[in-house]
Amino acid sequence: MTSILKSILLATFVITLPSVKALADVTSQQVWDGLRTAMVASGFKLRASETRNGTRLTIGDLQINKRFQDPGGDASGTISLSVSSLQFLDKGNGKVNIVFPEKIPVILRSNSPNDGAFEMQLNLTQRNLVITASGKPDELRHDYAAETVGLNLGKFVLDGTEVPGTDVLAELDIYDITGTSIRALRTDRNYTQNLSIGRMSYQGSMSIPSAAETRYNFSGQTTGLEFTGTTALPVILNWSDPLAVLTAGASFDADWRYDRAEGDMSSVQGGEKFQQSSEITAGSGRLALDKQRLLYKTKSAQSNLFLVMDALPFPISLSLAKAAANVLLPLTANPTAQPFNLGLSLSDFVMSDMMWALFDYEEILPRDSISLGLEVSGKIKLVHDIFSPEFIEALGQDNSIPFELEHIDIGQLHLAGAGAALEGAGRFEFDNSDFETFEGLPRPMGRFETELKGGNRLLDRLIDIGLLPKSEAMAMRMMLSMFTVPGEGNDILKMLLEVTQEGRILSNGQRIR
């Protein structure tokens, strides 16, 4: 429910309002005419009255409706908005203020032969929301600010039966909002956005009537949220097919950051209680998407997780000093190979002593923090667009690969903890004309090096605490002896894995294939 509420509010505030403003011109009538034309073109049906009083244009009893159909199923439904009064004020000097009512009811209805029917009434609220449009017709600047914007669940009807308000609750509130939006009309519609939010909080609960007491609660907040982004949209849109909008030239590039995020969740099910609290001191990210590529980056500072459950006699405490991830993927078929990247980094993962005591009560294992790092990059050539039916069909065939891997670089492989550490790096190139040497796969050529410190000592400790039988540890040591050689220093093992141009596989110079 939380993600649904966030999606509706952010879609309404971050997308709809800039769309309203992007259509604004120097007069109130042009603002309203542009908004009405855009919504009708997007499949909405409008009904309203218009009244002018001097420089004020009032749109009364505005009813907005749209039907939708699930492209992949039989579900259908409607979305309806009821706006009691929408005002456009000519301020002079080419400026227009847009004034929304303090409350806008939003009703979602859906019906599915498999999942049944539901009706959800949401209330979109605001306090002191002001939008001002200025500039010239082909490049407009819009400034907006609000003391609060909120979204709450007013009514929920499931299969014709209204769920009591005491059984379901969902609220989302955003405070201290300021932002700007600039629209430039060229061959497409270009939007530049800046948004600042002082605090965003949410809460919700749900009870399930049954013989065994069942209730779920959640709440949380994010502070110091900042967002910047650019969006390009084709002049003619068909939102019924989002992929068609993307392939027609739509693009999105956004950066965000926040000072702190925290959340709480609790439940009672069959008499058993569960509580969870989490916090992240700071975080940031970037998402860029167009028909050519997908780029995603995120990182966070100190993260803490605290759990209490009846199944355990003590609380669980976990912490992570830093976390980061990145993804770069090409999306469109291209005759030349395109770069890709996958990365993950987890630094200084720490468990509480009580957590360690579950499997190591005598503290045989060192209580070192655990770290993980992986960085993989390379170049890949797509034979088909990644969203095309041909690509999906090729994935399901045994002898068909819808892409050609040119090379792959393993820039970092790092795993450390419990007194041991593994490091690795390498590079392989691929011959996509040879699928016979390695049956069904392009022939690789390259090398991969690893170094393991403290591996044998870790095996001894796992035997001592009873997590690893001696027979399995012996098998692991035999395997290590076949593929590794001693390094410089105590309890250090190294491995060099090579694949030659002839298709031979060598381990530390010894042929194994």
Protein backbone atom coordinates (compact mmCIF):
# COMPACT_ATOMS: atom_id res chain seq x y z
CA MET A 1 0.00 0.00 0.00
CA THR A 2 2.86 2.40 0.80
CA SER A 3 4.44 2.05 -2.63
CA ILE A 4 1.05 2.57 -4.29
CA LEU A 5 0.43 5.78 -2.33
CA LYS A 6 3.92 7.09 -3.08
CA SER A 7 3.53 6.32 -6.77
CA ILE A 8 0.18 8.10 -7.01
CA LEU A 9 1.33 11.20 -5.12
CA LEU A 10 4.68 11.54 -6.86
CA ALA A 11 3.06 10.91 -10.24
CA THR A 12 0.43 13.55 -9.44
CA PHE A 13 2.80 16.16 -8.03
CA VAL A 14 6.05 15.65 -9.94
CA ILE A 15 4.54 14.78 -13.32
CA THR A 16 1.01 16.15 -13.52
CA LEU A 17 1.75 19.61 -12.15
CA PRO A 18 4.73 20.21 -14.44
CA SER A 19 2.56 18.97 -17.32
CA VAL A 20 -0.06 21.53 -16.36
CA LYS A 21 2.55 24.24 -16.13
CA ALA A 22 4.33 23.23 -19.30
CA LEU A 23 1.17 24.00 -21.21
CA ALA A 24 0.83 27.41 -19.55
CA ASP A 25 1.04 30.60 -21.61
CA VAL A 26 0.82 34.30 -20.81
CA THR A 27 -2.97 34.29 -20.22
CA SER A 28 -5.20 32.25 -17.95
CA GLN A 29 -7.42 31.14 -20.83
CA GLN A 30 -4.47 29.72 -22.72
CA VAL A 31 -3.36 27.80 -19.63
CA TRP A 32 -6.77 26.16 -19.24
CA ASP A 33 -7.21 25.48 -22.96
CA GLY A 34 -3.82 23.82 -23.13
CA LEU A 35 -4.49 21.65 -20.07
CA ARG A 36 -7.86 20.55 -21.39
CA THR A 37 -6.48 19.70 -24.83
CA ALA A 38 -3.61 17.68 -23.37
CA MET A 39 -5.85 15.64 -21.07
CA VAL A 40 -8.36 14.85 -23.81
CA ALA A 41 -5.49 13.78 -26.08
CA SER A 42 -4.31 11.43 -23.31
CA GLY A 43 -7.68 9.67 -23.17
CA PHE A 44 -9.36 11.58 -20.32
CA LYS A 45 -12.94 12.80 -20.50
CA LEU A 46 -13.63 16.20 -18.94
CA ARG A 47 -16.77 17.98 -17.82
CA ALA A 48 -16.70 21.42 -16.18
CA SER A 49 -18.10 24.96 -16.15
CA GLU A 50 -16.12 28.12 -16.96
CA THR A 51 -16.63 31.51 -15.30
CA ARG A 52 -14.54 34.65 -15.81
CA ASN A 53 -14.44 37.54 -13.37
CA GLY A 54 -11.93 40.13 -14.46
CA THR A 55 -8.47 38.54 -14.45
CA ARG A 56 -9.73 35.39 -12.72
CA LEU A 57 -10.82 32.31 -14.70
CA THR A 58 -12.65 29.73 -12.55
CA ILE A 59 -13.21 26.16 -13.68
CA GLY A 60 -16.05 24.79 -11.55
CA ASP A 61 -17.03 21.19 -10.77
CA LEU A 62 -14.29 19.69 -12.92
CA GLN A 63 -14.86 15.95 -13.44
CA ILE A 64 -11.99 13.96 -14.96
CA ASN A 65 -12.41 10.29 -15.92
CA LYS A 66 -10.45 7.66 -17.80
CA ARG A 67 -10.92 3.97 -18.44
CA PHE A 68 -7.96 1.61 -18.55
CA GLN A 69 -7.34 -1.98 -19.56
CA ASP A 70 -4.58 -4.31 -18.41
CA PRO A 71 -2.60 -5.05 -21.61
CA GLY A 72 -1.55 -8.47 -20.32
CA GLY A 73 -4.80 -9.62 -18.73
CA ASP A 74 -8.56 -9.25 -18.35
CA ALA A 75 -8.50 -6.59 -15.62
CA SER A 76 -10.13 -3.24 -16.38
CA GLY A 77 -10.99 -0.17 -14.39
CA THR A 78 -11.40 3.58 -14.15
CA ILE A 79 -9.74 6.52 -12.48
CA SER A 80 -11.84 9.56 -11.56
CA LEU A 81 -10.89 12.93 -10.11
CA SER A 82 -13.33 15.52 -8.82
CA VAL A 83 -11.96 19.09 -8.63
CA SER A 84 -14.43 21.48 -7.01
CA SER A 85 -12.69 24.62 -8.29
CA LEU A 86 -9.59 25.27 -10.36
CA GLN A 87 -8.56 28.90 -10.71
CA PHE A 88 -6.25 30.68 -13.15
CA LEU A 89 -5.24 34.25 -12.25
CA ASP A 90 -3.61 36.69 -14.67
CA LYS A 91 -1.05 38.57 -12.57
CA GLY A 92 0.26 40.83 -15.32
CA ASN A 93 3.69 40.91 -16.94
CA GLY A 94 3.00 37.51 -18.50
CA LYS A 95 2.53 35.69 -15.18
CA VAL A 96 -0.33 33.29 -14.34
CA ASN A 97 -1.07 31.74 -10.96
CA ILE A 98 -2.74 28.32 -10.79
CA VAL A 99 -4.73 27.70 -7.60
CA PHE A 100 -5.89 24.19 -6.64
CA PRO A 101 -8.52 23.35 -4.03
CA GLU A 102 -7.37 22.07 -0.65
CA LYS A 103 -8.82 18.61 -1.33
CA ILE A 104 -9.21 16.55 -4.51
CA PRO A 105 -10.94 13.14 -4.26
CA VAL A 106 -9.41 10.43 -6.44
CA ILE A 107 -11.38 7.21 -7.01
CA LEU A 108 -9.79 4.07 -8.44
CA ARG A 109 -11.99 1.16 -9.51
CA SER A 110 -10.77 -2.16 -10.84
CA ASN A 111 -12.41 -5.43 -11.78
CA SER A 112 -10.66 -8.69 -12.61
CA PRO A 113 -12.15 -12.16 -13.20
CA ASN A 114 -9.27 -13.65 -11.21
CA ASP A 115 -8.69 -11.09 -8.43
CA GLY A 116 -12.20 -9.73 -8.00
CA ALA A 117 -13.25 -6.09 -7.74
CA PHE A 118 -12.11 -3.24 -5.54
CA GLU A 119 -12.76 0.46 -5.15
CA MET A 120 -10.30 2.82 -3.49
CA GLN A 121 -11.05 6.44 -2.62
CA LEU A 122 -7.98 8.59 -2.03
CA ASN A 123 -7.92 12.20 -0.89
CA LEU A 124 -5.21 14.40 -2.36
CA THR A 125 -4.78 17.40 -0.07
CA GLN A 126 -2.61 20.51 -0.03
CA ARG A 127 -2.04 23.59 2.05
CA ASN A 128 -0.81 26.87 0.51
CA LEU A 129 0.10 25.37 -2.85
CA VAL A 130 0.95 28.14 -5.32
CA ILE A 131 2.11 27.68 -8.92
CA THR A 132 3.31 30.66 -10.96
CA ALA A 133 4.01 30.48 -14.70
CA SER A 134 6.15 33.05 -16.51
CA GLY A 135 8.35 33.41 -19.57
CA LYS A 136 7.60 33.03 -23.25
CA PRO A 137 5.48 30.43 -25.08
CA ASP A 138 8.40 28.27 -26.31
CA GLU A 139 10.32 28.35 -23.00
CA LEU A 140 8.32 28.73 -19.81
CA ARG A 141 9.53 28.84 -16.22
CA HIS A 142 7.28 27.71 -13.40
CA ASP A 143 7.84 28.15 -9.69
CA TYR A 144 5.81 26.20 -7.16
CA ALA A 145 5.73 25.92 -3.40
CA ALA A 146 3.49 24.30 -0.80
CA GLU A 147 3.41 24.03 2.94
CA THR A 148 2.10 20.46 2.72
CA VAL A 149 0.81 17.97 0.17
CA GLY A 150 -0.83 14.78 1.39
CA LEU A 151 -2.52 11.63 0.22
CA ASN A 152 -4.71 9.48 2.45
CA LEU A 153 -7.02 6.54 2.02
CA GLY A 154 -10.63 7.56 2.55
CA LYS A 155 -12.47 4.37 1.68
CA PHE A 156 -11.63 0.88 0.53
CA VAL A 157 -14.27 -1.48 -0.87
CA LEU A 158 -13.35 -5.09 -1.65
CA ASP A 159 -15.79 -7.24 -3.64
CA GLY A 160 -18.66 -4.95 -2.71
CA THR A 161 -17.90 -4.88 1.02
CA GLU A 162 -16.47 -1.74 2.59
CA VAL A 163 -13.47 -2.39 4.82
CA PRO A 164 -13.91 -0.49 8.12
CA GLY A 165 -11.56 2.42 8.67
CA THR A 166 -10.29 0.76 11.83
CA ASP A 167 -9.04 -2.19 9.75
CA VAL A 168 -7.09 -0.29 7.09
CA LEU A 169 -5.21 3.02 7.20
CA ALA A 170 -2.75 4.63 4.78
CA GLU A 171 -1.37 8.18 4.79
CA LEU A 172 1.45 10.01 3.04
CA ASP A 173 2.41 13.60 3.85
CA ILE A 174 5.04 15.86 2.26
CA TYR A 175 6.16 19.08 3.96
CA ASP A 176 8.02 22.25 2.92
CA ILE A 177 7.94 21.79 -0.84
CA THR A 178 9.66 24.17 -3.26
CA GLY A 179 10.63 23.70 -6.88
CA THR A 180 10.97 25.00 -10.39
CA SER A 181 10.15 23.58 -13.79
CA ILE A 182 11.30 24.85 -17.18
CA ARG A 183 9.74 23.64 -20.41
CA ALA A 184 11.33 24.14 -23.83
CA LEU A 185 9.30 23.14 -26.87
CA ARG A 186 11.50 21.98 -29.76
CA THR A 187 11.08 18.82 -31.82
CA ASP A 188 9.84 17.29 -28.56
CA ARG A 189 8.81 18.52 -25.13
CA ASN A 190 11.76 19.05 -22.80
CA TYR A 191 11.31 19.53 -19.06
CA THR A 192 13.93 20.51 -16.48
CA GLN A 193 12.90 20.06 -12.86
CA ASN A 194 14.24 20.93 -9.42
CA LEU A 195 12.38 19.83 -6.30
CA SER A 196 13.18 20.22 -2.62
CA ILE A 197 11.23 18.50 0.18
CA GLY A 198 11.83 19.19 3.85
CA ARG A 199 10.20 16.00 5.10
CA MET A 200 8.15 13.12 3.70
CA SER A 201 6.38 10.80 6.12
CA TYR A 202 4.05 7.82 5.78
CA GLN A 203 2.07 5.51 8.01
CA GLY A 204 -0.38 2.69 7.58
CA SER A 205 -2.00 -0.29 9.23
CA MET A 206 -4.10 -3.27 8.24
CA SER A 207 -6.10 -5.77 10.29
CA ILE A 208 -7.35 -9.09 8.97
CA PRO A 209 -10.44 -10.37 10.83
CA SER A 210 -9.86 -13.99 11.80
CA ALA A 211 -9.81 -16.32 14.76
CA ALA A 212 -6.10 -15.55 15.21
CA GLU A 213 -5.29 -11.90 15.76
CA THR A 214 -3.53 -10.46 12.68
CA ARG A 215 -2.44 -6.85 12.32
CA TYR A 216 0.31 -5.04 10.41
CA ASN A 217 1.65 -1.53 11.06
CA PHE A 218 4.25 0.53 9.24
CA SER A 219 5.54 4.09 9.37
CA GLY A 220 8.58 6.09 8.38
CA GLN A 221 9.96 9.35 7.11
CA THR A 222 12.64 10.82 4.85
CA THR A 223 14.17 14.26 5.45
CA GLY A 224 16.16 16.65 3.30
CA LEU A 225 15.05 15.16 -0.03
CA GLU A 226 16.29 16.92 -3.19
CA PHE A 227 15.50 15.98 -6.78
CA THR A 228 16.75 17.27 -10.14
CA GLY A 229 15.79 15.82 -13.47
CA THR A 230 15.31 16.28 -17.18
CA THR A 231 12.57 14.66 -19.24
CA ALA A 232 11.98 14.58 -22.98
CA LEU A 233 8.60 13.48 -24.34
CA PRO A 234 7.37 13.12 -27.92
CA VAL A 235 4.82 15.69 -29.00
CA ILE A 236 2.29 12.90 -29.66
CA LEU A 237 1.94 10.47 -26.75
CA ASN A 238 0.30 7.07 -26.44
CA TRP A 239 0.40 6.22 -22.74
CA SER A 240 -1.49 2.97 -23.34
CA ASP A 241 1.83 1.56 -24.59
CA PRO A 242 4.70 2.86 -22.40
CA LEU A 243 7.30 0.97 -24.45
CA ALA A 244 6.10 2.75 -27.59
CA VAL A 245 6.58 6.09 -25.80
CA LEU A 246 10.15 5.08 -24.93
CA THR A 247 11.03 3.90 -28.43
CA ALA A 248 9.46 7.07 -29.87
CA GLY A 249 12.17 9.12 -28.19
CA ALA A 250 11.15 9.66 -24.57
CA SER A 251 13.99 9.96 -22.08
CA PHE A 252 14.42 10.55 -18.35
CA ASP A 253 17.48 11.49 -16.30
CA ALA A 254 17.19 12.25 -12.58
CA ASP A 255 19.44 12.68 -9.56
CA TRP A 256 18.30 12.63 -5.94
CA ARG A 257 19.70 12.77 -2.45
CA TYR A 258 18.36 12.71 1.10
CA ASP A 259 19.72 13.46 4.56
CA ARG A 260 18.07 10.65 6.51
CA ALA A 261 15.52 7.87 6.03
CA GLU A 262 13.95 5.74 8.74
CA GLY A 263 11.14 3.24 8.96
CA ASP A 264 9.32 1.03 11.44
CA MET A 265 7.23 -2.07 10.87
CA SER A 266 5.43 -4.34 13.32
CA SER A 267 3.00 -7.21 13.15
CA VAL A 268 0.98 -9.55 15.33
CA GLN A 269 0.05 -12.85 13.70
CA GLY A 270 -1.33 -15.80 15.58
CA GLY A 271 -0.16 -14.31 18.85
CA GLU A 272 3.46 -13.94 17.64
CA LYS A 273 4.89 -10.43 17.57
CA PHE A 274 7.45 -8.96 15.19
CA GLN A 275 9.10 -5.52 15.19
CA GLN A 276 11.59 -3.97 12.79
CA SER A 277 13.29 -0.56 12.80
CA SER A 278 15.70 0.72 10.17
CA GLU A 279 17.56 3.94 9.45
CA ILE A 280 19.92 5.29 6.80
CA THR A 281 21.88 8.42 7.65
CA ALA A 282 22.24 9.65 4.05
CA GLY A 283 21.82 8.47 0.49
CA SER A 284 21.84 9.48 -3.16
CA GLY A 285 21.16 8.04 -6.58
CA ARG A 286 20.72 8.54 -10.28
CA LEU A 287 18.36 6.97 -12.84
CA ALA A 288 18.63 7.58 -16.57
CA LEU A 289 16.46 5.82 -19.15
CA ASP A 290 15.99 6.19 -22.89
CA LYS A 291 15.63 3.79 -25.80
CA GLN A 292 19.41 3.36 -25.95
CA ARG A 293 20.35 2.54 -22.35
CA LEU A 294 19.44 2.11 -18.70
CA LEU A 295 21.69 3.70 -16.08
CA TYR A 296 21.15 3.30 -12.34
CA LYS A 297 23.42 4.31 -9.47
CA THR A 298 22.75 4.42 -5.75
CA LYS A 299 24.78 4.73 -2.58
CA SER A 300 24.04 5.13 1.11
CA ALA A 301 25.99 5.87 4.26
CA GLN A 302 25.56 4.27 7.67
CA SER A 303 22.57 1.90 7.76
CA ASN A 304 21.17 0.21 10.87
CA LEU A 305 18.58 -2.53 11.27
CA PHE A 306 17.01 -3.68 14.56
CA LEU A 307 14.71 -6.71 14.84
CA VAL A 308 12.66 -8.16 17.70
CA MET A 309 10.63 -11.34 17.25
CA ASP A 310 9.04 -13.87 19.56
CA ALA A 311 10.84 -16.72 17.78
CA LEU A 312 14.17 -15.47 19.18
CA PRO A 313 14.93 -14.80 22.85
CA PHE A 314 17.01 -11.70 22.06
CA PRO A 315 16.94 -8.75 19.64
CA ILE A 316 18.97 -8.70 16.41
CA SER A 317 21.09 -5.70 15.50
CA LEU A 318 22.80 -5.26 12.10
CA SER A 319 24.72 -2.33 10.64
CA LEU A 320 26.38 -1.45 7.36
CA ALA A 321 28.85 1.44 7.00
CA LYS A 322 28.40 1.98 3.24
CA ALA A 323 26.46 0.44 0.37
CA ALA A 324 26.58 1.19 -3.35
CA ALA A 325 25.32 -0.33 -6.58
CA ASN A 326 25.47 0.61 -10.25
CA VAL A 327 23.99 -0.76 -13.47
CA LEU A 328 24.56 0.28 -17.09
CA LEU A 329 22.77 -1.75 -19.76
CA PRO A 330 22.28 -1.10 -23.49
CA LEU A 331 18.67 -1.57 -24.61
CA THR A 332 18.72 -1.19 -28.40
CA ALA A 333 20.14 -3.42 -31.13
CA ASN A 334 23.31 -1.90 -32.57
CA PRO A 335 25.85 -3.13 -35.15
CA THR A 336 28.65 -2.10 -32.78
CA ALA A 337 29.17 -3.35 -29.22
CA GLN A 338 28.04 -1.04 -26.42
CA PRO A 339 29.42 -0.74 -22.87
CA PHE A 340 27.75 -2.33 -19.86
CA ASN A 341 28.57 -2.26 -16.16
CA LEU A 342 27.40 -4.06 -13.02
CA GLY A 343 28.70 -3.15 -9.58
CA LEU A 344 27.94 -3.86 -5.93
CA SER A 345 29.76 -2.73 -2.80
CA LEU A 346 28.92 -3.47 0.86
CA SER A 347 31.39 -2.10 3.41
CA ASP A 348 31.79 -3.07 7.06
CA PHE A 349 28.73 -5.22 7.67
CA VAL A 350 28.54 -5.81 11.43
CA MET A 351 26.34 -8.19 13.42
CA SER A 352 25.64 -7.94 17.13
CA ASP A 353 27.40 -10.38 19.50
CA MET A 354 24.05 -12.03 20.17
CA MET A 355 23.70 -12.77 16.45
CA TRP A 356 27.22 -14.25 16.30
CA ALA A 357 26.42 -16.37 19.36
CA LEU A 358 23.73 -18.24 17.43
CA PHE A 359 26.45 -20.28 15.68
CA ASP A 360 29.70 -19.26 17.46
CA TYR A 361 29.01 -18.97 21.16
CA GLU A 362 32.69 -19.49 22.16
CA GLU A 363 33.91 -16.69 19.83
CA ILE A 364 36.18 -18.93 17.77
CA LEU A 365 35.59 -16.88 14.62
CA PRO A 366 37.08 -13.35 14.58
CA ARG A 367 34.39 -10.71 14.88
CA ASP A 368 35.72 -8.82 11.86
CA SER A 369 33.30 -6.74 9.84
CA ILE A 370 32.27 -8.30 6.51
CA SER A 371 32.83 -6.51 3.19
CA LEU A 372 31.83 -7.40 -0.36
CA GLY A 373 32.85 -5.76 -3.62
CA LEU A 374 32.12 -6.72 -7.23
CA GLU A 375 32.74 -4.66 -10.36
CA VAL A 376 32.08 -6.15 -13.80
CA SER A 377 32.19 -4.22 -17.08
CA GLY A 378 32.56 -4.91 -20.77
CA LYS A 379 30.99 -4.50 -24.18
CA ILE A 380 27.97 -6.30 -25.58
CA LYS A 381 26.17 -6.19 -28.93
CA LEU A 382 22.41 -6.72 -28.90
CA VAL A 383 20.99 -8.58 -31.89
CA HIS A 384 17.44 -7.43 -31.03
CA ASP A 385 16.00 -4.60 -28.95
CA ILE A 386 15.84 -5.84 -25.38
CA PHE A 387 12.07 -5.14 -25.13
CA SER A 388 11.21 -6.68 -28.50
CA PRO A 389 9.29 -9.99 -28.86
CA GLU A 390 12.27 -11.38 -30.81
CA PHE A 391 14.59 -10.86 -27.82
CA ILE A 392 12.20 -12.59 -25.42
CA GLU A 393 11.64 -15.44 -27.87
CA ALA A 394 15.39 -15.94 -28.35
CA LEU A 395 15.93 -16.18 -24.58
CA GLY A 396 13.55 -19.13 -24.47
CA GLN A 397 15.36 -21.08 -27.21
CA ASP A 398 18.19 -23.47 -26.35
CA ASN A 399 20.46 -22.66 -29.31
CA SER A 400 19.83 -18.95 -29.65
CA ILE A 401 21.49 -16.06 -27.80
CA PRO A 402 20.05 -12.59 -28.60
CA PHE A 403 23.35 -10.81 -27.85
CA GLU A 404 27.08 -11.06 -28.53
CA LEU A 405 29.51 -10.56 -25.68
CA GLU A 406 32.67 -8.85 -26.96
CA HIS A 407 34.67 -8.75 -23.75
CA ILE A 408 34.23 -8.74 -19.99
CA ASP A 409 36.42 -7.14 -17.34
CA ILE A 410 36.22 -8.28 -13.74
CA GLY A 411 37.70 -5.16 -12.22
CA GLN A 412 37.17 -6.24 -8.64
CA LEU A 413 36.12 -9.31 -6.72
CA HIS A 414 36.45 -8.76 -2.98
CA LEU A 415 35.07 -10.73 -0.05
CA ALA A 416 36.47 -10.34 3.46
CA GLY A 417 35.32 -11.40 6.92
CA ALA A 418 35.82 -13.90 9.75
CA GLY A 419 39.61 -13.65 9.40
CA ALA A 420 39.76 -14.46 5.66
CA ALA A 421 39.90 -12.39 2.48
CA LEU A 422 39.44 -13.20 -1.21
CA GLU A 423 40.63 -10.85 -3.98
CA GLY A 424 40.29 -11.37 -7.72
CA ALA A 425 40.47 -9.62 -11.10
CA GLY A 426 40.59 -10.60 -14.75
CA ARG A 427 39.56 -10.05 -18.35
CA PHE A 428 38.16 -12.27 -21.10
CA GLU A 429 37.49 -11.64 -24.80
CA PHE A 430 34.99 -13.70 -26.78
CA ASP A 431 34.97 -15.04 -30.35
CA ASN A 432 31.31 -14.99 -31.37
CA SER A 433 32.06 -16.91 -34.59
CA ASP A 434 33.12 -20.03 -32.64
CA PHE A 435 30.37 -21.84 -30.76
CA GLU A 436 31.98 -25.29 -31.16
CA THR A 437 35.08 -25.15 -28.95
CA PHE A 438 32.85 -24.51 -25.92
CA GLU A 439 29.61 -26.08 -27.10
CA GLY A 440 26.81 -23.53 -27.34
CA LEU A 441 28.95 -20.66 -26.03
CA PRO A 442 31.28 -18.16 -27.71
CA ARG A 443 34.93 -19.12 -27.25
CA PRO A 444 36.60 -17.07 -24.48
CA MET A 445 40.24 -16.05 -24.24
CA GLY A 446 41.81 -14.36 -21.21
CA ARG A 447 42.87 -14.77 -17.61
CA PHE A 448 41.54 -14.47 -14.09
CA GLU A 449 43.70 -14.17 -10.95
CA THR A 450 42.69 -14.68 -7.34
CA GLU A 451 44.36 -14.59 -3.94
CA LEU A 452 42.90 -16.16 -0.81
CA LYS A 453 44.27 -15.19 2.59
CA GLY A 454 43.37 -17.16 5.73
CA GLY A 455 41.34 -19.80 3.89
CA ASN A 456 42.78 -22.85 5.66
CA ARG A 457 42.48 -21.22 9.07
CA LEU A 458 38.84 -20.38 8.31
CA LEU A 459 38.15 -24.05 7.47
CA ASP A 460 39.69 -25.11 10.80
CA ARG A 461 37.51 -22.65 12.70
CA LEU A 462 34.34 -23.76 10.91
CA ILE A 463 35.16 -27.34 11.92
CA ASP A 464 35.72 -26.27 15.54
CA ILE A 465 32.31 -24.60 15.84
CA GLY A 466 30.54 -27.49 14.11
CA LEU A 467 29.38 -25.70 10.96
CA LEU A 468 31.54 -27.81 8.62
CA PRO A 469 32.17 -31.59 8.88
CA LYS A 470 35.80 -32.71 8.62
CA SER A 471 35.07 -34.80 5.52
CA GLU A 472 33.70 -31.81 3.62
CA ALA A 473 36.61 -29.64 4.76
CA MET A 474 39.04 -32.28 3.46
CA ALA A 475 37.29 -32.31 0.08
CA MET A 476 37.55 -28.51 -0.09
CA ARG A 477 41.28 -28.62 0.70
CA MET A 478 41.84 -31.21 -2.02
CA MET A 479 40.00 -29.02 -4.50
CA LEU A 480 42.04 -25.98 -3.48
CA SER A 481 45.28 -27.93 -3.91
CA MET A 482 44.31 -28.80 -7.48
CA PHE A 483 43.66 -25.21 -8.56
CA THR A 484 45.88 -23.07 -6.33
CA VAL A 485 49.56 -22.64 -5.42
CA PRO A 486 51.05 -21.26 -2.19
CA GLY A 487 51.65 -17.51 -2.15
CA GLU A 488 54.17 -15.45 -0.25
CA GLY A 489 53.38 -15.52 3.45
CA ASN A 490 51.46 -17.79 5.78
CA ASP A 491 48.11 -19.30 4.66
CA ILE A 492 48.00 -17.54 1.29
CA LEU A 493 46.80 -19.33 -1.84
CA LYS A 494 46.90 -17.99 -5.39
CA MET A 495 45.26 -19.09 -8.61
CA LEU A 496 45.79 -18.05 -12.22
CA LEU A 497 43.06 -19.34 -14.55
CA GLU A 498 43.78 -18.91 -18.27
CA VAL A 499 41.86 -19.72 -21.45
CA THR A 500 44.09 -19.78 -24.52
CA GLN A 501 43.26 -18.90 -28.11
CA GLU A 502 43.12 -22.63 -28.91
CA GLY A 503 40.48 -23.17 -26.23
CA ARG A 504 42.77 -24.72 -23.64
CA ILE A 505 42.11 -24.05 -19.96
CA LEU A 506 45.16 -23.68 -17.73
CA SER A 507 45.29 -23.46 -13.96
CA ASN A 508 48.60 -22.00 -12.77
CA GLY A 509 50.17 -23.12 -16.06
CA GLN A 510 48.80 -26.68 -15.84
CA ARG A 511 46.37 -27.75 -18.54
CA ILE A 512 43.02 -28.94 -17.15
CA ARG A 513 41.13 -28.94 -20.48
